[in-house]
Amino acid sequence: MSNAQHSGSGSGHPAAAGHPAGAGGPPPDLKRQFITFAFFKTSPEWRRLPAAEREASKSEVAAIVEEFKKQGMLIPGCSLAGTHGDVDFMRWRIAGDIRDALNTAG
């Protein structure tokens, strides 16, 4: 492969096939993404709730995440248990429009 296929375009964007380095901007098919992060700590009171109530609240959160997914957002998450004492898990939100990313932060 030529060096142009691996080098950046000089504008901070990687070159893509059919878009040689130095062409002056990102490739036309590169979509901008806005990412926000949220960190959560599970309260001790929630952990003491009966299992049925905990499951109901988990289902409620899952339904909210599904609604955002229907709007085209990606909302992956991961456990931080054992890595940070002040948080238990995180979710990040990936959207194509900054308003969508910020609207989910509230």
PDB file of N, CA and C in Angstrom:
ATOM      1  N   MET A   1       0.837  -1.179   0.000  1.00  0.00           N
ATOM      2  CA  MET A   1       0.000   0.000   0.000  1.00  0.00           C
ATOM      3  C   MET A   1       0.879   1.237   0.000  1.00  0.00           C
ATOM      4  N   SER A   2       0.357   2.288  -0.556  1.00  0.00           N
ATOM      5  CA  SER A   2       1.138   3.512  -0.595  1.00  0.00           C
ATOM      6  C   SER A   2       1.108   4.196   0.764  1.00  0.00           C
ATOM      7  N   ASN A   3       2.063   5.055   0.984  1.00  0.00           N
ATOM      8  CA  ASN A   3       2.158   5.806   2.222  1.00  0.00           C
ATOM      9  C   ASN A   3       0.946   6.710   2.410  1.00  0.00           C
ATOM     10  N   ALA A   4       0.334   7.194   1.338  1.00  0.00           N
ATOM     11  CA  ALA A   4      -0.814   8.097   1.415  1.00  0.00           C
ATOM     12  C   ALA A   4      -2.014   7.421   2.057  1.00  0.00           C
ATOM     13  N   GLN A   5      -2.117   6.106   1.951  1.00  0.00           N
ATOM     14  CA  GLN A   5      -3.255   5.419   2.534  1.00  0.00           C
ATOM     15  C   GLN A   5      -3.125   5.284   4.041  1.00  0.00           C
ATOM     16  N   HIS A   6      -1.936   5.474   4.579  1.00  0.00           N
ATOM     17  CA  HIS A   6      -1.727   5.330   6.006  1.00  0.00           C
ATOM     18  C   HIS A   6      -1.503   6.651   6.719  1.00  0.00           C
ATOM     19  N   SER A   7      -1.122   7.669   6.006  1.00  0.00           N
ATOM     20  CA  SER A   7      -0.795   8.924   6.667  1.00  0.00           C
ATOM     21  C   SER A   7      -2.036   9.780   6.829  1.00  0.00           C
ATOM     22  N   GLY A   8      -1.978  10.700   7.759  1.00  0.00           N
ATOM     23  CA  GLY A   8      -3.082  11.621   7.973  1.00  0.00           C
ATOM     24  C   GLY A   8      -3.131  12.647   6.862  1.00  0.00           C
ATOM     25  N   SER A   9      -4.222  13.391   6.803  1.00  0.00           N
ATOM     26  CA  SER A   9      -4.379  14.386   5.750  1.00  0.00           C
ATOM     27  C   SER A   9      -3.737  15.706   6.126  1.00  0.00           C
ATOM     28  N   GLY A  10      -3.156  15.798   7.317  1.00  0.00           N
ATOM     29  CA  GLY A  10      -2.579  17.049   7.743  1.00  0.00           C
ATOM     30  C   GLY A  10      -3.573  17.900   8.515  1.00  0.00           C
ATOM     31  N   SER A  11      -4.842  17.504   8.515  1.00  0.00           N
ATOM     32  CA  SER A  11      -5.860  18.266   9.231  1.00  0.00           C
ATOM     33  C   SER A  11      -6.327  17.535  10.475  1.00  0.00           C
ATOM     34  N   GLY A  12      -5.602  16.510  10.894  1.00  0.00           N
ATOM     35  CA  GLY A  12      -5.995  15.760  12.078  1.00  0.00           C
ATOM     36  C   GLY A  12      -6.919  14.601  11.781  1.00  0.00           C
ATOM     37  N   HIS A  13      -7.286  14.396  10.537  1.00  0.00           N
ATOM     38  CA  HIS A  13      -8.170  13.307  10.152  1.00  0.00           C
ATOM     39  C   HIS A  13      -7.381  12.267   9.392  1.00  0.00           C
ATOM     40  N   PRO A  14      -7.590  10.985   9.680  1.00  0.00           N
ATOM     41  CA  PRO A  14      -6.866   9.959   8.927  1.00  0.00           C
ATOM     42  C   PRO A  14      -7.344   9.916   7.488  1.00  0.00           C
ATOM     43  N   ALA A  15      -6.443   9.571   6.620  1.00  0.00           N
ATOM     44  CA  ALA A  15      -6.812   9.436   5.214  1.00  0.00           C
ATOM     45  C   ALA A  15      -7.643   8.179   5.039  1.00  0.00           C
ATOM     46  N   ALA A  16      -8.559   8.207   4.119  1.00  0.00           N
ATOM     47  CA  ALA A  16      -9.391   7.039   3.823  1.00  0.00           C
ATOM     48  C   ALA A  16      -9.163   6.641   2.373  1.00  0.00           C
ATOM     49  N   ALA A  17      -9.523   5.419   2.055  1.00  0.00           N
ATOM     50  CA  ALA A  17      -9.379   4.946   0.680  1.00  0.00           C
ATOM     51  C   ALA A  17     -10.127   5.895  -0.243  1.00  0.00           C
ATOM     52  N   GLY A  18      -9.497   6.308  -1.305  1.00  0.00           N
ATOM     53  CA  GLY A  18     -10.130   7.223  -2.237  1.00  0.00           C
ATOM     54  C   GLY A  18     -10.029   8.673  -1.817  1.00  0.00           C
ATOM     55  N   HIS A  19      -9.396   8.940  -0.694  1.00  0.00           N
ATOM     56  CA  HIS A  19      -9.234  10.313  -0.215  1.00  0.00           C
ATOM     57  C   HIS A  19      -7.785  10.473   0.212  1.00  0.00           C
ATOM     58  N   PRO A  20      -6.921  10.828  -0.720  1.00  0.00           N
ATOM     59  CA  PRO A  20      -5.488  10.854  -0.427  1.00  0.00           C
ATOM     60  C   PRO A  20      -5.121  11.899   0.605  1.00  0.00           C
ATOM     61  N   ALA A  21      -3.983  11.660   1.252  1.00  0.00           N
ATOM     62  CA  ALA A  21      -3.468  12.602   2.235  1.00  0.00           C
ATOM     63  C   ALA A  21      -3.267  13.962   1.584  1.00  0.00           C
ATOM     64  N   GLY A  22      -3.519  15.014   2.347  1.00  0.00           N
ATOM     65  CA  GLY A  22      -3.305  16.365   1.865  1.00  0.00           C
ATOM     66  C   GLY A  22      -4.449  16.893   1.018  1.00  0.00           C
ATOM     67  N   ALA A  23      -5.581  16.209   0.971  1.00  0.00           N
ATOM     68  CA  ALA A  23      -6.701  16.645   0.141  1.00  0.00           C
ATOM     69  C   ALA A  23      -7.479  17.788   0.774  1.00  0.00           C
ATOM     70  N   GLY A  24      -7.129  18.177   2.009  1.00  0.00           N
ATOM     71  CA  GLY A  24      -7.766  19.348   2.602  1.00  0.00           C
ATOM     72  C   GLY A  24      -9.057  19.061   3.335  1.00  0.00           C
ATOM     73  N   GLY A  25      -9.044  18.196   4.316  1.00  0.00           N
ATOM     74  CA  GLY A  25     -10.233  17.950   5.113  1.00  0.00           C
ATOM     75  C   GLY A  25     -10.534  16.483   5.240  1.00  0.00           C
ATOM     76  N   PRO A  26     -11.552  16.200   6.025  1.00  0.00           N
ATOM     77  CA  PRO A  26     -11.903  14.796   6.240  1.00  0.00           C
ATOM     78  C   PRO A  26     -12.557  14.205   4.998  1.00  0.00           C
ATOM     79  N   PRO A  27     -12.526  12.897   4.892  1.00  0.00           N
ATOM     80  CA  PRO A  27     -13.213  12.259   3.773  1.00  0.00           C
ATOM     81  C   PRO A  27     -14.704  12.560   3.845  1.00  0.00           C
ATOM     82  N   PRO A  28     -15.376  12.615   2.709  1.00  0.00           N
ATOM     83  CA  PRO A  28     -16.792  12.989   2.714  1.00  0.00           C
ATOM     84  C   PRO A  28     -17.688  12.018   3.467  1.00  0.00           C
ATOM     85  N   ASP A  29     -17.295  10.754   3.621  1.00  0.00           N
ATOM     86  CA  ASP A  29     -18.144   9.790   4.316  1.00  0.00           C
ATOM     87  C   ASP A  29     -17.859   9.742   5.821  1.00  0.00           C
ATOM     88  N   LEU A  30     -16.929  10.567   6.313  1.00  0.00           N
ATOM     89  CA  LEU A  30     -16.617  10.591   7.735  1.00  0.00           C
ATOM     90  C   LEU A  30     -17.699  11.383   8.456  1.00  0.00           C
ATOM     91  N   LYS A  31     -18.366  10.733   9.386  1.00  0.00           N
ATOM     92  CA  LYS A  31     -19.441  11.385  10.124  1.00  0.00           C
ATOM     93  C   LYS A  31     -18.915  11.858  11.468  1.00  0.00           C
ATOM     94  N   ARG A  32     -19.256  13.069  11.845  1.00  0.00           N
ATOM     95  CA  ARG A  32     -18.849  13.628  13.119  1.00  0.00           C
ATOM     96  C   ARG A  32     -19.682  12.983  14.221  1.00  0.00           C
ATOM     97  N   GLN A  33     -19.036  12.699  15.327  1.00  0.00           N
ATOM     98  CA  GLN A  33     -19.733  12.122  16.476  1.00  0.00           C
ATOM     99  C   GLN A  33     -19.451  12.974  17.708  1.00  0.00           C
ATOM    100  N   PHE A  34     -20.460  13.111  18.549  1.00  0.00           N
ATOM    101  CA  PHE A  34     -20.330  13.819  19.815  1.00  0.00           C
ATOM    102  C   PHE A  34     -20.497  12.793  20.918  1.00  0.00           C
ATOM    103  N   ILE A  35     -19.554  12.782  21.840  1.00  0.00           N
ATOM    104  CA  ILE A  35     -19.544  11.760  22.880  1.00  0.00           C
ATOM    105  C   ILE A  35     -19.550  12.430  24.242  1.00  0.00           C
ATOM    106  N   THR A  36     -20.442  11.978  25.101  1.00  0.00           N
ATOM    107  CA  THR A  36     -20.470  12.435  26.488  1.00  0.00           C
ATOM    108  C   THR A  36     -20.366  11.208  27.386  1.00  0.00           C
ATOM    109  N   PHE A  37     -19.845  11.425  28.570  1.00  0.00           N
ATOM    110  CA  PHE A  37     -19.639  10.341  29.526  1.00  0.00           C
ATOM    111  C   PHE A  37     -20.406  10.633  30.802  1.00  0.00           C
ATOM    112  N   ALA A  38     -20.969   9.609  31.406  1.00  0.00           N
ATOM    113  CA  ALA A  38     -21.654   9.751  32.691  1.00  0.00           C
ATOM    114  C   ALA A  38     -21.207   8.608  33.592  1.00  0.00           C
ATOM    115  N   PHE A  39     -20.906   8.937  34.834  1.00  0.00           N
ATOM    116  CA  PHE A  39     -20.435   7.962  35.809  1.00  0.00           C
ATOM    117  C   PHE A  39     -21.472   7.860  36.920  1.00  0.00           C
ATOM    118  N   PHE A  40     -21.714   6.638  37.396  1.00  0.00           N
ATOM    119  CA  PHE A  40     -22.766   6.400  38.370  1.00  0.00           C
ATOM    120  C   PHE A  40     -22.261   5.575  39.541  1.00  0.00           C
ATOM    121  N   LYS A  41     -22.783   5.875  40.697  1.00  0.00           N
ATOM    122  CA  LYS A  41     -22.532   5.083  41.894  1.00  0.00           C
ATOM    123  C   LYS A  41     -23.884   4.589  42.377  1.00  0.00           C
ATOM    124  N   THR A  42     -23.987   3.312  42.606  1.00  0.00           N
ATOM    125  CA  THR A  42     -25.224   2.723  43.102  1.00  0.00           C
ATOM    126  C   THR A  42     -25.326   2.988  44.596  1.00  0.00           C
ATOM    127  N   SER A  43     -26.457   3.535  45.012  1.00  0.00           N
ATOM    128  CA  SER A  43     -26.612   3.861  46.434  1.00  0.00           C
ATOM    129  C   SER A  43     -26.790   2.581  47.255  1.00  0.00           C
ATOM    130  N   PRO A  44     -26.283   2.594  48.475  1.00  0.00           N
ATOM    131  CA  PRO A  44     -26.462   1.424  49.344  1.00  0.00           C
ATOM    132  C   PRO A  44     -27.945   1.117  49.595  1.00  0.00           C
ATOM    133  N   GLU A  45     -28.771   2.165  49.614  1.00  0.00           N
ATOM    134  CA  GLU A  45     -30.213   1.955  49.822  1.00  0.00           C
ATOM    135  C   GLU A  45     -30.817   1.140  48.680  1.00  0.00           C
ATOM    136  N   TRP A  46     -30.394   1.412  47.457  1.00  0.00           N
ATOM    137  CA  TRP A  46     -30.916   0.669  46.318  1.00  0.00           C
ATOM    138  C   TRP A  46     -30.519  -0.802  46.423  1.00  0.00           C
ATOM    139  N   ARG A  47     -29.319  -1.050  46.862  1.00  0.00           N
ATOM    140  CA  ARG A  47     -28.845  -2.436  47.002  1.00  0.00           C
ATOM    141  C   ARG A  47     -29.654  -3.213  48.038  1.00  0.00           C
ATOM    142  N   ARG A  48     -30.227  -2.504  48.994  1.00  0.00           N
ATOM    143  CA  ARG A  48     -31.025  -3.173  50.040  1.00  0.00           C
ATOM    144  C   ARG A  48     -32.487  -3.378  49.642  1.00  0.00           C
ATOM    145  N   LEU A  49     -32.903  -2.854  48.506  1.00  0.00           N
ATOM    146  CA  LEU A  49     -34.275  -3.056  48.046  1.00  0.00           C
ATOM    147  C   LEU A  49     -34.495  -4.528  47.723  1.00  0.00           C
ATOM    148  N   PRO A  50     -35.745  -4.971  47.793  1.00  0.00           N
ATOM    149  CA  PRO A  50     -36.049  -6.349  47.378  1.00  0.00           C
ATOM    150  C   PRO A  50     -35.661  -6.547  45.907  1.00  0.00           C
ATOM    151  N   ALA A  51     -35.309  -7.764  45.573  1.00  0.00           N
ATOM    152  CA  ALA A  51     -34.847  -8.081  44.223  1.00  0.00           C
ATOM    153  C   ALA A  51     -35.840  -7.630  43.149  1.00  0.00           C
ATOM    154  N   ALA A  52     -37.135  -7.777  43.409  1.00  0.00           N
ATOM    155  CA  ALA A  52     -38.144  -7.397  42.413  1.00  0.00           C
ATOM    156  C   ALA A  52     -38.095  -5.891  42.132  1.00  0.00           C
ATOM    157  N   GLU A  53     -37.894  -5.083  43.160  1.00  0.00           N
ATOM    158  CA  GLU A  53     -37.811  -3.632  42.964  1.00  0.00           C
ATOM    159  C   GLU A  53     -36.542  -3.245  42.213  1.00  0.00           C
ATOM    160  N   ARG A  54     -35.446  -3.916  42.521  1.00  0.00           N
ATOM    161  CA  ARG A  54     -34.200  -3.635  41.793  1.00  0.00           C
ATOM    162  C   ARG A  54     -34.355  -3.995  40.318  1.00  0.00           C
ATOM    163  N   GLU A  55     -34.971  -5.138  40.050  1.00  0.00           N
ATOM    164  CA  GLU A  55     -35.180  -5.547  38.659  1.00  0.00           C
ATOM    165  C   GLU A  55     -36.088  -4.568  37.926  1.00  0.00           C
ATOM    166  N   ALA A  56     -37.118  -4.059  38.619  1.00  0.00           N
ATOM    167  CA  ALA A  56     -38.025  -3.087  37.994  1.00  0.00           C
ATOM    168  C   ALA A  56     -37.274  -1.805  37.630  1.00  0.00           C
ATOM    169  N   SER A  57     -36.395  -1.344  38.508  1.00  0.00           N
ATOM    170  CA  SER A  57     -35.647  -0.122  38.201  1.00  0.00           C
ATOM    171  C   SER A  57     -34.638  -0.372  37.083  1.00  0.00           C
ATOM    172  N   LYS A  58     -34.044  -1.545  37.032  1.00  0.00           N
ATOM    173  CA  LYS A  58     -33.134  -1.878  35.928  1.00  0.00           C
ATOM    174  C   LYS A  58     -33.898  -1.872  34.601  1.00  0.00           C
ATOM    175  N   SER A  59     -35.100  -2.423  34.615  1.00  0.00           N
ATOM    176  CA  SER A  59     -35.920  -2.456  33.394  1.00  0.00           C
ATOM    177  C   SER A  59     -36.290  -1.048  32.944  1.00  0.00           C
ATOM    178  N   GLU A  60     -36.548  -0.165  33.903  1.00  0.00           N
ATOM    179  CA  GLU A  60     -36.888   1.218  33.573  1.00  0.00           C
ATOM    180  C   GLU A  60     -35.699   1.914  32.891  1.00  0.00           C
ATOM    181  N   VAL A  61     -34.510   1.716  33.413  1.00  0.00           N
ATOM    182  CA  VAL A  61     -33.313   2.298  32.796  1.00  0.00           C
ATOM    183  C   VAL A  61     -33.097   1.707  31.408  1.00  0.00           C
ATOM    184  N   ALA A  62     -33.271   0.403  31.270  1.00  0.00           N
ATOM    185  CA  ALA A  62     -33.095  -0.251  29.964  1.00  0.00           C
ATOM    186  C   ALA A  62     -34.081   0.311  28.941  1.00  0.00           C
ATOM    187  N   ALA A  63     -35.311   0.599  29.364  1.00  0.00           N
ATOM    188  CA  ALA A  63     -36.314   1.161  28.454  1.00  0.00           C
ATOM    189  C   ALA A  63     -35.905   2.563  27.996  1.00  0.00           C
ATOM    190  N   ILE A  64     -35.341   3.352  28.896  1.00  0.00           N
ATOM    191  CA  ILE A  64     -34.873   4.695  28.531  1.00  0.00           C
ATOM    192  C   ILE A  64     -33.740   4.592  27.515  1.00  0.00           C
ATOM    193  N   VAL A  65     -32.806   3.696  27.761  1.00  0.00           N
ATOM    194  CA  VAL A  65     -31.688   3.500  26.823  1.00  0.00           C
ATOM    195  C   VAL A  65     -32.218   3.076  25.456  1.00  0.00           C
ATOM    196  N   GLU A  66     -33.190   2.186  25.421  1.00  0.00           N
ATOM    197  CA  GLU A  66     -33.762   1.734  24.146  1.00  0.00           C
ATOM    198  C   GLU A  66     -34.413   2.885  23.386  1.00  0.00           C
ATOM    199  N   GLU A  67     -35.068   3.812  24.090  1.00  0.00           N
ATOM    200  CA  GLU A  67     -35.676   4.974  23.430  1.00  0.00           C
ATOM    201  C   GLU A  67     -34.610   5.821  22.745  1.00  0.00           C
ATOM    202  N   PHE A  68     -33.488   6.033  23.421  1.00  0.00           N
ATOM    203  CA  PHE A  68     -32.409   6.802  22.808  1.00  0.00           C
ATOM    204  C   PHE A  68     -31.809   6.055  21.623  1.00  0.00           C
ATOM    205  N   LYS A  69     -31.725   4.735  21.718  1.00  0.00           N
ATOM    206  CA  LYS A  69     -31.209   3.944  20.593  1.00  0.00           C
ATOM    207  C   LYS A  69     -32.114   4.093  19.377  1.00  0.00           C
ATOM    208  N   LYS A  70     -33.418   4.165  19.594  1.00  0.00           N
ATOM    209  CA  LYS A  70     -34.357   4.336  18.487  1.00  0.00           C
ATOM    210  C   LYS A  70     -34.137   5.670  17.781  1.00  0.00           C
ATOM    211  N   GLN A  71     -33.575   6.640  18.501  1.00  0.00           N
ATOM    212  CA  GLN A  71     -33.278   7.947  17.919  1.00  0.00           C
ATOM    213  C   GLN A  71     -31.918   7.959  17.221  1.00  0.00           C
ATOM    214  N   GLY A  72     -31.264   6.808  17.166  1.00  0.00           N
ATOM    215  CA  GLY A  72     -30.003   6.698  16.458  1.00  0.00           C
ATOM    216  C   GLY A  72     -28.765   6.882  17.313  1.00  0.00           C
ATOM    217  N   MET A  73     -28.940   6.952  18.610  1.00  0.00           N
ATOM    218  CA  MET A  73     -27.786   7.119  19.485  1.00  0.00           C
ATOM    219  C   MET A  73     -27.238   5.766  19.911  1.00  0.00           C
ATOM    220  N   LEU A  74     -25.968   5.746  20.210  1.00  0.00           N
ATOM    221  CA  LEU A  74     -25.328   4.569  20.788  1.00  0.00           C
ATOM    222  C   LEU A  74     -25.075   4.889  22.257  1.00  0.00           C
ATOM    223  N   ILE A  75     -25.429   3.965  23.142  1.00  0.00           N
ATOM    224  CA  ILE A  75     -25.238   4.194  24.576  1.00  0.00           C
ATOM    225  C   ILE A  75     -24.648   2.953  25.217  1.00  0.00           C
ATOM    226  N   PRO A  76     -23.370   2.682  24.939  1.00  0.00           N
ATOM    227  CA  PRO A  76     -22.732   1.540  25.598  1.00  0.00           C
ATOM    228  C   PRO A  76     -22.426   1.854  27.054  1.00  0.00           C
ATOM    229  N   GLY A  77     -22.173   0.845  27.815  1.00  0.00           N
ATOM    230  CA  GLY A  77     -21.815   1.036  29.217  1.00  0.00           C
ATOM    231  C   GLY A  77     -20.837  -0.028  29.655  1.00  0.00           C
ATOM    232  N   CYS A  78     -20.248   0.195  30.818  1.00  0.00           N
ATOM    233  CA  CYS A  78     -19.352  -0.820  31.353  1.00  0.00           C
ATOM    234  C   CYS A  78     -19.256  -0.675  32.864  1.00  0.00           C
ATOM    235  N   SER A  79     -18.948  -1.760  33.506  1.00  0.00           N
ATOM    236  CA  SER A  79     -18.770  -1.787  34.945  1.00  0.00           C
ATOM    237  C   SER A  79     -17.393  -1.244  35.294  1.00  0.00           C
ATOM    238  N   LEU A  80     -17.345  -0.473  36.352  1.00  0.00           N
ATOM    239  CA  LEU A  80     -16.075   0.018  36.871  1.00  0.00           C
ATOM    240  C   LEU A  80     -15.804  -0.563  38.253  1.00  0.00           C
ATOM    241  N   ALA A  81     -16.588  -1.584  38.609  1.00  0.00           N
ATOM    242  CA  ALA A  81     -16.431  -2.214  39.925  1.00  0.00           C
ATOM    243  C   ALA A  81     -14.998  -2.698  40.103  1.00  0.00           C
ATOM    244  N   GLY A  82     -14.418  -2.331  41.215  1.00  0.00           N
ATOM    245  CA  GLY A  82     -13.061  -2.750  41.521  1.00  0.00           C
ATOM    246  C   GLY A  82     -11.978  -1.863  40.932  1.00  0.00           C
ATOM    247  N   THR A  83     -12.371  -0.885  40.108  1.00  0.00           N
ATOM    248  CA  THR A  83     -11.371   0.007  39.523  1.00  0.00           C
ATOM    249  C   THR A  83     -11.411   1.401  40.130  1.00  0.00           C
ATOM    250  N   HIS A  84     -12.590   1.823  40.578  1.00  0.00           N
ATOM    251  CA  HIS A  84     -12.765   3.139  41.191  1.00  0.00           C
ATOM    252  C   HIS A  84     -13.661   2.978  42.411  1.00  0.00           C
ATOM    253  N   GLY A  85     -13.265   3.565  43.515  1.00  0.00           N
ATOM    254  CA  GLY A  85     -14.084   3.468  44.718  1.00  0.00           C
ATOM    255  C   GLY A  85     -15.273   4.400  44.716  1.00  0.00           C
ATOM    256  N   ASP A  86     -15.241   5.416  43.868  1.00  0.00           N
ATOM    257  CA  ASP A  86     -16.301   6.415  43.899  1.00  0.00           C
ATOM    258  C   ASP A  86     -17.386   6.208  42.841  1.00  0.00           C
ATOM    259  N   VAL A  87     -17.220   5.267  41.924  1.00  0.00           N
ATOM    260  CA  VAL A  87     -18.236   4.983  40.907  1.00  0.00           C
ATOM    261  C   VAL A  87     -18.335   3.477  40.678  1.00  0.00           C
ATOM    262  N   ASP A  88     -19.509   3.038  40.212  1.00  0.00           N
ATOM    263  CA  ASP A  88     -19.724   1.613  39.950  1.00  0.00           C
ATOM    264  C   ASP A  88     -19.781   1.280  38.467  1.00  0.00           C
ATOM    265  N   PHE A  89     -20.331   2.204  37.671  1.00  0.00           N
ATOM    266  CA  PHE A  89     -20.411   1.947  36.239  1.00  0.00           C
ATOM    267  C   PHE A  89     -20.466   3.267  35.486  1.00  0.00           C
ATOM    268  N   MET A  90     -20.233   3.163  34.198  1.00  0.00           N
ATOM    269  CA  MET A  90     -20.305   4.351  33.350  1.00  0.00           C
ATOM    270  C   MET A  90     -21.096   4.038  32.097  1.00  0.00           C
ATOM    271  N   ARG A  91     -21.629   5.086  31.525  1.00  0.00           N
ATOM    272  CA  ARG A  91     -22.295   5.010  30.231  1.00  0.00           C
ATOM    273  C   ARG A  91     -21.736   6.146  29.411  1.00  0.00           C
ATOM    274  N   TRP A  92     -21.499   5.881  28.142  1.00  0.00           N
ATOM    275  CA  TRP A  92     -21.163   6.984  27.265  1.00  0.00           C
ATOM    276  C   TRP A  92     -22.212   7.043  26.191  1.00  0.00           C
ATOM    277  N   ARG A  93     -22.459   8.242  25.719  1.00  0.00           N
ATOM    278  CA  ARG A  93     -23.491   8.484  24.720  1.00  0.00           C
ATOM    279  C   ARG A  93     -22.805   9.004  23.460  1.00  0.00           C
ATOM    280  N   ILE A  94     -23.133   8.394  22.348  1.00  0.00           N
ATOM    281  CA  ILE A  94     -22.541   8.759  21.071  1.00  0.00           C
ATOM    282  C   ILE A  94     -23.678   9.195  20.151  1.00  0.00           C
ATOM    283  N   ALA A  95     -23.597  10.427  19.675  1.00  0.00           N
ATOM    284  CA  ALA A  95     -24.660  10.978  18.837  1.00  0.00           C
ATOM    285  C   ALA A  95     -24.060  11.720  17.657  1.00  0.00           C
ATOM    286  N   GLY A  96     -24.814  11.830  16.603  1.00  0.00           N
ATOM    287  CA  GLY A  96     -24.382  12.570  15.426  1.00  0.00           C
ATOM    288  C   GLY A  96     -24.671  14.054  15.523  1.00  0.00           C
ATOM    289  N   ASP A  97     -25.438  14.459  16.515  1.00  0.00           N
ATOM    290  CA  ASP A  97     -25.794  15.865  16.715  1.00  0.00           C
ATOM    291  C   ASP A  97     -25.515  16.217  18.171  1.00  0.00           C
ATOM    292  N   ILE A  98     -24.829  17.311  18.403  1.00  0.00           N
ATOM    293  CA  ILE A  98     -24.457  17.681  19.771  1.00  0.00           C
ATOM    294  C   ILE A  98     -25.682  17.890  20.656  1.00  0.00           C
ATOM    295  N   ARG A  99     -26.776  18.364  20.083  1.00  0.00           N
ATOM    296  CA  ARG A  99     -27.993  18.567  20.890  1.00  0.00           C
ATOM    297  C   ARG A  99     -28.507  17.249  21.438  1.00  0.00           C
ATOM    298  N   ASP A 100     -28.435  16.188  20.638  1.00  0.00           N
ATOM    299  CA  ASP A 100     -28.873  14.874  21.115  1.00  0.00           C
ATOM    300  C   ASP A 100     -27.983  14.383  22.245  1.00  0.00           C
ATOM    301  N   ALA A 101     -26.678  14.549  22.086  1.00  0.00           N
ATOM    302  CA  ALA A 101     -25.749  14.106  23.130  1.00  0.00           C
ATOM    303  C   ALA A 101     -25.986  14.862  24.431  1.00  0.00           C
ATOM    304  N   LEU A 102     -26.226  16.157  24.346  1.00  0.00           N
ATOM    305  CA  LEU A 102     -26.422  16.966  25.548  1.00  0.00           C
ATOM    306  C   LEU A 102     -27.807  16.761  26.165  1.00  0.00           C
ATOM    307  N   ASN A 103     -28.816  16.490  25.344  1.00  0.00           N
ATOM    308  CA  ASN A 103     -30.172  16.284  25.863  1.00  0.00           C
ATOM    309  C   ASN A 103     -30.286  15.031  26.716  1.00  0.00           C
ATOM    310  N   THR A 104     -29.410  14.062  26.513  1.00  0.00           N
ATOM    311  CA  THR A 104     -29.476  12.848  27.315  1.00  0.00           C
ATOM    312  C   THR A 104     -28.735  12.997  28.621  1.00  0.00           C
ATOM    313  N   ALA A 105     -28.005  14.093  28.796  1.00  0.00           N
ATOM    314  CA  ALA A 105     -27.180  14.276  29.984  1.00  0.00           C
ATOM    315  C   ALA A 105     -27.998  14.677  31.195  1.00  0.00           C
ATOM    316  N   GLY A 106     -29.229  15.141  30.996  1.00  0.00           N
ATOM    317  CA  GLY A 106     -30.032  15.658  32.099  1.00  0.00           C
ATOM    318  C   GLY A 106     -30.755  14.673  32.880  1.00  0.00           C
TER     319      GLY A 106
END
